[in-house]
């Protein structure tokens, strides 16, 4: 469900991530059953890593599907690794 949400809302998630937080990130992290108090820290961590991936030369030529998949994998790695105690869905 979260992977589909990322694909369908990728442009909004990209914008929210660039801003630092937003309703689409909140919705995605809620789908992953992440504690509301931890969500800002998770979003900040995602933003840091996402910023790095956007600077890759190949980023601009990727399809939306490829970008959404990479974004979902980044988020999934965060919530199942570094933030495993704060997120219960994965």
PDB file of N, CA and C in Angstrom:
ATOM      1  N   UNK A   1       0.828  -1.185   0.000  1.00  0.00           N
ATOM      2  CA  UNK A   1       0.000   0.000   0.000  1.00  0.00           C
ATOM      3  C   UNK A   1       0.874   1.251   0.000  1.00  0.00           C
ATOM      4  N   UNK A   2       1.918   1.283   0.816  1.00  0.00           N
ATOM      5  CA  UNK A   2       2.791   2.457   0.888  1.00  0.00           C
ATOM      6  C   UNK A   2       3.551   2.649  -0.420  1.00  0.00           C
ATOM      7  N   UNK A   3       3.982   1.562  -1.042  1.00  0.00           N
ATOM      8  CA  UNK A   3       4.708   1.664  -2.314  1.00  0.00           C
ATOM      9  C   UNK A   3       3.812   2.284  -3.391  1.00  0.00           C
ATOM     10  N   UNK A   4       2.587   1.870  -3.423  1.00  0.00           N
ATOM     11  CA  UNK A   4       1.634   2.444  -4.391  1.00  0.00           C
ATOM     12  C   UNK A   4       1.413   3.925  -4.100  1.00  0.00           C
ATOM     13  N   UNK A   5       1.269   4.266  -2.833  1.00  0.00           N
ATOM     14  CA  UNK A   5       1.091   5.656  -2.446  1.00  0.00           C
ATOM     15  C   UNK A   5       2.279   6.502  -2.914  1.00  0.00           C
ATOM     16  N   UNK A   6       3.483   5.981  -2.730  1.00  0.00           N
ATOM     17  CA  UNK A   6       4.687   6.713  -3.156  1.00  0.00           C
ATOM     18  C   UNK A   6       4.643   6.938  -4.663  1.00  0.00           C
ATOM     19  N   UNK A   7       4.320   5.914  -5.417  1.00  0.00           N
ATOM     20  CA  UNK A   7       4.269   6.064  -6.870  1.00  0.00           C
ATOM     21  C   UNK A   7       3.204   7.077  -7.287  1.00  0.00           C
ATOM     22  N   UNK A   8       2.024   6.966  -6.728  1.00  0.00           N
ATOM     23  CA  UNK A   8       0.919   7.841  -7.124  1.00  0.00           C
ATOM     24  C   UNK A   8       1.097   9.278  -6.654  1.00  0.00           C
ATOM     25  N   UNK A   9       1.894   9.481  -5.631  1.00  0.00           N
ATOM     26  CA  UNK A   9       2.068  10.821  -5.058  1.00  0.00           C
ATOM     27  C   UNK A   9       3.521  11.288  -5.079  1.00  0.00           C
ATOM     28  N   UNK A  10       4.301  10.725  -5.987  1.00  0.00           N
ATOM     29  CA  UNK A  10       5.730  11.002  -5.981  1.00  0.00           C
ATOM     30  C   UNK A  10       6.042  12.500  -6.061  1.00  0.00           C
ATOM     31  N   UNK A  11       5.408  13.223  -6.954  1.00  0.00           N
ATOM     32  CA  UNK A  11       5.703  14.655  -7.111  1.00  0.00           C
ATOM     33  C   UNK A  11       5.438  15.409  -5.812  1.00  0.00           C
ATOM     34  N   UNK A  12       4.355  15.084  -5.135  1.00  0.00           N
ATOM     35  CA  UNK A  12       4.033  15.751  -3.870  1.00  0.00           C
ATOM     36  C   UNK A  12       5.012  15.348  -2.768  1.00  0.00           C
ATOM     37  N   UNK A  13       5.412  14.087  -2.753  1.00  0.00           N
ATOM     38  CA  UNK A  13       6.394  13.626  -1.765  1.00  0.00           C
ATOM     39  C   UNK A  13       7.747  14.290  -2.007  1.00  0.00           C
ATOM     40  N   UNK A  14       8.116  14.429  -3.266  1.00  0.00           N
ATOM     41  CA  UNK A  14       9.366  15.100  -3.620  1.00  0.00           C
ATOM     42  C   UNK A  14       9.347  16.541  -3.108  1.00  0.00           C
ATOM     43  N   UNK A  15       8.232  17.219  -3.312  1.00  0.00           N
ATOM     44  CA  UNK A  15       8.086  18.602  -2.851  1.00  0.00           C
ATOM     45  C   UNK A  15       8.103  18.678  -1.322  1.00  0.00           C
ATOM     46  N   UNK A  16       7.335  17.818  -0.670  1.00  0.00           N
ATOM     47  CA  UNK A  16       7.319  17.792   0.801  1.00  0.00           C
ATOM     48  C   UNK A  16       8.716  17.522   1.356  1.00  0.00           C
ATOM     49  N   UNK A  17       9.420  16.599   0.728  1.00  0.00           N
ATOM     50  CA  UNK A  17      10.763  16.248   1.197  1.00  0.00           C
ATOM     51  C   UNK A  17      11.706  17.429   1.043  1.00  0.00           C
ATOM     52  N   UNK A  18      11.607  18.140  -0.065  1.00  0.00           N
ATOM     53  CA  UNK A  18      12.453  19.315  -0.275  1.00  0.00           C
ATOM     54  C   UNK A  18      12.160  20.399   0.770  1.00  0.00           C
ATOM     55  N   UNK A  19      10.887  20.524   1.142  1.00  0.00           N
ATOM     56  CA  UNK A  19      10.497  21.513   2.160  1.00  0.00           C
ATOM     57  C   UNK A  19      10.866  21.051   3.568  1.00  0.00           C
ATOM     58  N   UNK A  20      10.961  19.752   3.750  1.00  0.00           N
ATOM     59  CA  UNK A  20      11.306  19.210   5.062  1.00  0.00           C
ATOM     60  C   UNK A  20      10.228  18.352   5.683  1.00  0.00           C
ATOM     61  N   UNK A  21       8.974  18.614   5.355  1.00  0.00           N
ATOM     62  CA  UNK A  21       7.879  17.838   5.926  1.00  0.00           C
ATOM     63  C   UNK A  21       6.602  18.261   5.211  1.00  0.00           C
ATOM     64  N   UNK A  22       5.531  17.544   5.391  1.00  0.00           N
ATOM     65  CA  UNK A  22       4.263  17.910   4.778  1.00  0.00           C
ATOM     66  C   UNK A  22       3.248  16.801   4.892  1.00  0.00           C
ATOM     67  N   UNK A  23       2.053  17.077   4.392  1.00  0.00           N
ATOM     68  CA  UNK A  23       0.945  16.133   4.577  1.00  0.00           C
ATOM     69  C   UNK A  23       1.162  14.804   3.862  1.00  0.00           C
ATOM     70  N   UNK A  24       1.850  14.804   2.743  1.00  0.00           N
ATOM     71  CA  UNK A  24       2.076  13.539   2.035  1.00  0.00           C
ATOM     72  C   UNK A  24       3.082  12.658   2.776  1.00  0.00           C
ATOM     73  N   UNK A  25       4.106  13.270   3.329  1.00  0.00           N
ATOM     74  CA  UNK A  25       5.065  12.499   4.134  1.00  0.00           C
ATOM     75  C   UNK A  25       4.374  11.964   5.380  1.00  0.00           C
ATOM     76  N   UNK A  26       3.571  12.805   6.031  1.00  0.00           N
ATOM     77  CA  UNK A  26       2.824  12.347   7.210  1.00  0.00           C
ATOM     78  C   UNK A  26       1.946  11.159   6.858  1.00  0.00           C
ATOM     79  N   UNK A  27       1.242  11.257   5.724  1.00  0.00           N
ATOM     80  CA  UNK A  27       0.353  10.166   5.311  1.00  0.00           C
ATOM     81  C   UNK A  27       1.145   8.879   5.048  1.00  0.00           C
ATOM     82  N   UNK A  28       2.267   9.011   4.352  1.00  0.00           N
ATOM     83  CA  UNK A  28       3.093   7.838   4.040  1.00  0.00           C
ATOM     84  C   UNK A  28       3.617   7.192   5.321  1.00  0.00           C
ATOM     85  N   UNK A  29       4.145   8.000   6.223  1.00  0.00           N
ATOM     86  CA  UNK A  29       4.689   7.456   7.473  1.00  0.00           C
ATOM     87  C   UNK A  29       3.591   6.893   8.366  1.00  0.00           C
ATOM     88  N   UNK A  30       2.409   7.457   8.283  1.00  0.00           N
ATOM     89  CA  UNK A  30       1.273   6.902   9.028  1.00  0.00           C
ATOM     90  C   UNK A  30       0.890   5.535   8.473  1.00  0.00           C
ATOM     91  N   UNK A  31       0.952   5.373   7.142  1.00  0.00           N
ATOM     92  CA  UNK A  31       0.682   4.063   6.532  1.00  0.00           C
ATOM     93  C   UNK A  31       1.684   3.023   7.012  1.00  0.00           C
ATOM     94  N   UNK A  32       2.890   3.482   7.311  1.00  0.00           N
ATOM     95  CA  UNK A  32       3.939   2.579   7.794  1.00  0.00           C
ATOM     96  C   UNK A  32       3.895   2.454   9.316  1.00  0.00           C
ATOM     97  N   UNK A  33       2.830   2.989   9.901  1.00  0.00           N
ATOM     98  CA  UNK A  33       2.585   2.911  11.337  1.00  0.00           C
ATOM     99  C   UNK A  33       3.753   3.479  12.152  1.00  0.00           C
ATOM    100  N   UNK A  34       4.256   4.628  11.698  1.00  0.00           N
ATOM    101  CA  UNK A  34       5.338   5.309  12.414  1.00  0.00           C
ATOM    102  C   UNK A  34       4.746   6.242  13.464  1.00  0.00           C
ATOM    103  N   UNK A  35       5.326   6.217  14.623  1.00  0.00           N
ATOM    104  CA  UNK A  35       4.899   7.062  15.720  1.00  0.00           C
ATOM    105  C   UNK A  35       4.913   8.522  15.283  1.00  0.00           C
ATOM    106  N   UNK A  36       3.833   9.226  15.575  1.00  0.00           N
ATOM    107  CA  UNK A  36       3.708  10.634  15.156  1.00  0.00           C
ATOM    108  C   UNK A  36       4.829  11.510  15.713  1.00  0.00           C
ATOM    109  N   UNK A  37       5.294  11.210  16.908  1.00  0.00           N
ATOM    110  CA  UNK A  37       6.353  12.043  17.487  1.00  0.00           C
ATOM    111  C   UNK A  37       7.698  11.813  16.810  1.00  0.00           C
ATOM    112  N   UNK A  38       7.879  10.664  16.184  1.00  0.00           N
ATOM    113  CA  UNK A  38       9.135  10.353  15.486  1.00  0.00           C
ATOM    114  C   UNK A  38       9.123  10.801  14.030  1.00  0.00           C
ATOM    115  N   UNK A  39       7.956  11.096  13.485  1.00  0.00           N
ATOM    116  CA  UNK A  39       7.850  11.410  12.065  1.00  0.00           C
ATOM    117  C   UNK A  39       8.722  12.585  11.617  1.00  0.00           C
ATOM    118  N   UNK A  40       8.797  13.695  12.343  1.00  0.00           N
ATOM    119  CA  UNK A  40       9.670  14.787  11.888  1.00  0.00           C
ATOM    120  C   UNK A  40      11.143  14.364  11.779  1.00  0.00           C
ATOM    121  N   UNK A  41      11.626  13.574  12.707  1.00  0.00           N
ATOM    122  CA  UNK A  41      13.017  13.102  12.658  1.00  0.00           C
ATOM    123  C   UNK A  41      13.225  12.159  11.479  1.00  0.00           C
ATOM    124  N   UNK A  42      12.249  11.290  11.239  1.00  0.00           N
ATOM    125  CA  UNK A  42      12.337  10.369  10.103  1.00  0.00           C
ATOM    126  C   UNK A  42      12.345  11.171   8.803  1.00  0.00           C
ATOM    127  N   UNK A  43      11.456  12.145   8.701  1.00  0.00           N
ATOM    128  CA  UNK A  43      11.384  12.983   7.498  1.00  0.00           C
ATOM    129  C   UNK A  43      12.694  13.716   7.267  1.00  0.00           C
ATOM    130  N   UNK A  44      13.302  14.207   8.326  1.00  0.00           N
ATOM    131  CA  UNK A  44      14.581  14.909   8.192  1.00  0.00           C
ATOM    132  C   UNK A  44      15.675  13.968   7.689  1.00  0.00           C
ATOM    133  N   UNK A  45      15.684  12.773   8.200  1.00  0.00           N
ATOM    134  CA  UNK A  45      16.658  11.777   7.763  1.00  0.00           C
ATOM    135  C   UNK A  45      16.440  11.408   6.296  1.00  0.00           C
ATOM    136  N   UNK A  46      15.179  11.243   5.899  1.00  0.00           N
ATOM    137  CA  UNK A  46      14.849  10.964   4.503  1.00  0.00           C
ATOM    138  C   UNK A  46      15.310  12.126   3.629  1.00  0.00           C
ATOM    139  N   UNK A  47      15.049  13.325   4.079  1.00  0.00           N
ATOM    140  CA  UNK A  47      15.425  14.529   3.309  1.00  0.00           C
ATOM    141  C   UNK A  47      16.927  14.561   3.043  1.00  0.00           C
ATOM    142  N   UNK A  48      17.713  14.258   4.050  1.00  0.00           N
ATOM    143  CA  UNK A  48      19.168  14.276   3.900  1.00  0.00           C
ATOM    144  C   UNK A  48      19.614  13.291   2.818  1.00  0.00           C
ATOM    145  N   UNK A  49      19.123  12.067   2.898  1.00  0.00           N
ATOM    146  CA  UNK A  49      19.509  11.048   1.922  1.00  0.00           C
ATOM    147  C   UNK A  49      18.927  11.336   0.538  1.00  0.00           C
ATOM    148  N   UNK A  50      17.706  11.847   0.497  1.00  0.00           N
ATOM    149  CA  UNK A  50      17.069  12.153  -0.777  1.00  0.00           C
ATOM    150  C   UNK A  50      17.810  13.278  -1.488  1.00  0.00           C
ATOM    151  N   UNK A  51      18.260  14.244  -0.746  1.00  0.00           N
ATOM    152  CA  UNK A  51      19.032  15.347  -1.317  1.00  0.00           C
ATOM    153  C   UNK A  51      20.283  14.832  -2.015  1.00  0.00           C
ATOM    154  N   UNK A  52      20.931  13.875  -1.395  1.00  0.00           N
ATOM    155  CA  UNK A  52      22.124  13.270  -1.988  1.00  0.00           C
ATOM    156  C   UNK A  52      21.770  12.555  -3.293  1.00  0.00           C
ATOM    157  N   UNK A  53      20.682  11.798  -3.292  1.00  0.00           N
ATOM    158  CA  UNK A  53      20.317  11.051  -4.498  1.00  0.00           C
ATOM    159  C   UNK A  53      19.889  11.984  -5.633  1.00  0.00           C
ATOM    160  N   UNK A  54      19.289  13.123  -5.305  1.00  0.00           N
ATOM    161  CA  UNK A  54      18.884  14.077  -6.346  1.00  0.00           C
ATOM    162  C   UNK A  54      20.085  14.722  -7.038  1.00  0.00           C
ATOM    163  N   UNK A  55      21.205  14.765  -6.365  1.00  0.00           N
ATOM    164  CA  UNK A  55      22.405  15.361  -6.952  1.00  0.00           C
ATOM    165  C   UNK A  55      23.150  14.403  -7.882  1.00  0.00           C
ATOM    166  N   UNK A  56      22.733  13.149  -7.919  1.00  0.00           N
ATOM    167  CA  UNK A  56      23.360  12.179  -8.813  1.00  0.00           C
ATOM    168  C   UNK A  56      23.069  12.584 -10.265  1.00  0.00           C
ATOM    169  N   UNK A  57      24.059  12.506 -11.136  1.00  0.00           N
ATOM    170  CA  UNK A  57      23.851  12.895 -12.537  1.00  0.00           C
ATOM    171  C   UNK A  57      22.714  12.128 -13.233  1.00  0.00           C
ATOM    172  N   UNK A  58      22.498  10.891 -12.848  1.00  0.00           N
ATOM    173  CA  UNK A  58      21.476  10.070 -13.505  1.00  0.00           C
ATOM    174  C   UNK A  58      20.053  10.397 -13.046  1.00  0.00           C
ATOM    175  N   UNK A  59      19.902  11.168 -11.968  1.00  0.00           N
ATOM    176  CA  UNK A  59      18.581  11.429 -11.403  1.00  0.00           C
ATOM    177  C   UNK A  59      17.635  12.054 -12.430  1.00  0.00           C
ATOM    178  N   UNK A  60      18.104  13.049 -13.134  1.00  0.00           N
ATOM    179  CA  UNK A  60      17.245  13.782 -14.072  1.00  0.00           C
ATOM    180  C   UNK A  60      16.708  12.907 -15.197  1.00  0.00           C
ATOM    181  N   UNK A  61      17.434  11.888 -15.575  1.00  0.00           N
ATOM    182  CA  UNK A  61      17.000  11.046 -16.694  1.00  0.00           C
ATOM    183  C   UNK A  61      16.179   9.831 -16.259  1.00  0.00           C
ATOM    184  N   UNK A  62      15.992   9.648 -14.972  1.00  0.00           N
ATOM    185  CA  UNK A  62      15.215   8.508 -14.484  1.00  0.00           C
ATOM    186  C   UNK A  62      13.728   8.717 -14.748  1.00  0.00           C
ATOM    187  N   UNK A  63      13.020   7.626 -14.934  1.00  0.00           N
ATOM    188  CA  UNK A  63      11.566   7.692 -15.081  1.00  0.00           C
ATOM    189  C   UNK A  63      10.946   7.955 -13.710  1.00  0.00           C
ATOM    190  N   UNK A  64       9.699   8.359 -13.714  1.00  0.00           N
ATOM    191  CA  UNK A  64       8.994   8.567 -12.451  1.00  0.00           C
ATOM    192  C   UNK A  64       8.919   7.267 -11.667  1.00  0.00           C
ATOM    193  N   UNK A  65       8.713   6.161 -12.357  1.00  0.00           N
ATOM    194  CA  UNK A  65       8.666   4.866 -11.685  1.00  0.00           C
ATOM    195  C   UNK A  65       9.998   4.576 -10.989  1.00  0.00           C
ATOM    196  N   UNK A  66      11.105   4.819 -11.677  1.00  0.00           N
ATOM    197  CA  UNK A  66      12.426   4.583 -11.079  1.00  0.00           C
ATOM    198  C   UNK A  66      12.652   5.487  -9.874  1.00  0.00           C
ATOM    199  N   UNK A  67      12.266   6.747  -9.990  1.00  0.00           N
ATOM    200  CA  UNK A  67      12.427   7.693  -8.880  1.00  0.00           C
ATOM    201  C   UNK A  67      11.564   7.278  -7.689  1.00  0.00           C
ATOM    202  N   UNK A  68      10.324   6.892  -7.976  1.00  0.00           N
ATOM    203  CA  UNK A  68       9.415   6.474  -6.901  1.00  0.00           C
ATOM    204  C   UNK A  68       9.929   5.216  -6.220  1.00  0.00           C
ATOM    205  N   UNK A  69      10.447   4.281  -7.006  1.00  0.00           N
ATOM    206  CA  UNK A  69      10.988   3.055  -6.425  1.00  0.00           C
ATOM    207  C   UNK A  69      12.193   3.352  -5.535  1.00  0.00           C
ATOM    208  N   UNK A  70      13.081   4.210  -5.999  1.00  0.00           N
ATOM    209  CA  UNK A  70      14.253   4.576  -5.201  1.00  0.00           C
ATOM    210  C   UNK A  70      13.830   5.292  -3.922  1.00  0.00           C
ATOM    211  N   UNK A  71      12.834   6.164  -4.026  1.00  0.00           N
ATOM    212  CA  UNK A  71      12.338   6.891  -2.853  1.00  0.00           C
ATOM    213  C   UNK A  71      11.728   5.911  -1.850  1.00  0.00           C
ATOM    214  N   UNK A  72      10.890   5.002  -2.346  1.00  0.00           N
ATOM    215  CA  UNK A  72      10.286   4.018  -1.455  1.00  0.00           C
ATOM    216  C   UNK A  72      11.357   3.174  -0.773  1.00  0.00           C
ATOM    217  N   UNK A  73      12.358   2.741  -1.523  1.00  0.00           N
ATOM    218  CA  UNK A  73      13.434   1.940  -0.933  1.00  0.00           C
ATOM    219  C   UNK A  73      14.187   2.721   0.134  1.00  0.00           C
ATOM    220  N   UNK A  74      14.420   3.994  -0.109  1.00  0.00           N
ATOM    221  CA  UNK A  74      15.091   4.844   0.884  1.00  0.00           C
ATOM    222  C   UNK A  74      14.260   4.892   2.169  1.00  0.00           C
ATOM    223  N   UNK A  75      12.966   5.171   2.013  1.00  0.00           N
ATOM    224  CA  UNK A  75      12.074   5.256   3.172  1.00  0.00           C
ATOM    225  C   UNK A  75      11.980   3.910   3.882  1.00  0.00           C
ATOM    226  N   UNK A  76      11.811   2.866   3.120  1.00  0.00           N
ATOM    227  CA  UNK A  76      11.711   1.520   3.695  1.00  0.00           C
ATOM    228  C   UNK A  76      12.951   1.168   4.507  1.00  0.00           C
ATOM    229  N   UNK A  77      14.114   1.500   3.977  1.00  0.00           N
ATOM    230  CA  UNK A  77      15.359   1.241   4.708  1.00  0.00           C
ATOM    231  C   UNK A  77      15.428   2.032   6.010  1.00  0.00           C
ATOM    232  N   UNK A  78      14.930   3.259   5.983  1.00  0.00           N
ATOM    233  CA  UNK A  78      14.920   4.085   7.199  1.00  0.00           C
ATOM    234  C   UNK A  78      14.012   3.479   8.266  1.00  0.00           C
ATOM    235  N   UNK A  79      12.781   3.152   7.868  1.00  0.00           N
ATOM    236  CA  UNK A  79      11.815   2.691   8.870  1.00  0.00           C
ATOM    237  C   UNK A  79      12.067   1.261   9.338  1.00  0.00           C
ATOM    238  N   UNK A  80      12.755   0.467   8.536  1.00  0.00           N
ATOM    239  CA  UNK A  80      13.049  -0.896   8.968  1.00  0.00           C
ATOM    240  C   UNK A  80      14.441  -1.017   9.582  1.00  0.00           C
ATOM    241  N   UNK A  81      15.195   0.054   9.550  1.00  0.00           N
ATOM    242  CA  UNK A  81      16.544   0.045  10.122  1.00  0.00           C
ATOM    243  C   UNK A  81      16.654   1.027  11.270  1.00  0.00           C
ATOM    244  N   UNK A  82      17.080   2.198  10.926  1.00  0.00           N
ATOM    245  CA  UNK A  82      17.342   3.259  11.901  1.00  0.00           C
ATOM    246  C   UNK A  82      16.129   3.593  12.780  1.00  0.00           C
ATOM    247  N   UNK A  83      14.923   3.506  12.223  1.00  0.00           N
ATOM    248  CA  UNK A  83      13.715   3.880  12.966  1.00  0.00           C
ATOM    249  C   UNK A  83      12.785   2.694  13.213  1.00  0.00           C
ATOM    250  N   UNK A  84      13.346   1.511  13.313  1.00  0.00           N
ATOM    251  CA  UNK A  84      12.532   0.312  13.476  1.00  0.00           C
ATOM    252  C   UNK A  84      11.686   0.348  14.751  1.00  0.00           C
ATOM    253  N   UNK A  85      12.163   0.988  15.791  1.00  0.00           N
ATOM    254  CA  UNK A  85      11.402   1.060  17.040  1.00  0.00           C
ATOM    255  C   UNK A  85      10.218   2.023  16.935  1.00  0.00           C
ATOM    256  N   UNK A  86      10.291   2.971  15.987  1.00  0.00           N
ATOM    257  CA  UNK A  86       9.248   3.973  15.854  1.00  0.00           C
ATOM    258  C   UNK A  86       8.181   3.588  14.828  1.00  0.00           C
ATOM    259  N   UNK A  87       8.488   2.594  13.982  1.00  0.00           N
ATOM    260  CA  UNK A  87       7.575   2.201  12.914  1.00  0.00           C
ATOM    261  C   UNK A  87       7.284   0.713  13.000  1.00  0.00           C
ATOM    262  N   UNK A  88       6.022   0.375  12.965  1.00  0.00           N
ATOM    263  CA  UNK A  88       5.634  -1.020  13.193  1.00  0.00           C
ATOM    264  C   UNK A  88       5.207  -1.767  11.927  1.00  0.00           C
ATOM    265  N   UNK A  89       4.993  -1.073  10.813  1.00  0.00           N
ATOM    266  CA  UNK A  89       4.405  -1.718   9.630  1.00  0.00           C
ATOM    267  C   UNK A  89       5.375  -2.594   8.877  1.00  0.00           C
ATOM    268  N   UNK A  90       6.662  -2.308   8.924  1.00  0.00           N
ATOM    269  CA  UNK A  90       7.615  -3.086   8.114  1.00  0.00           C
ATOM    270  C   UNK A  90       8.356  -4.083   8.950  1.00  0.00           C
TER     271      UNK A  90
END
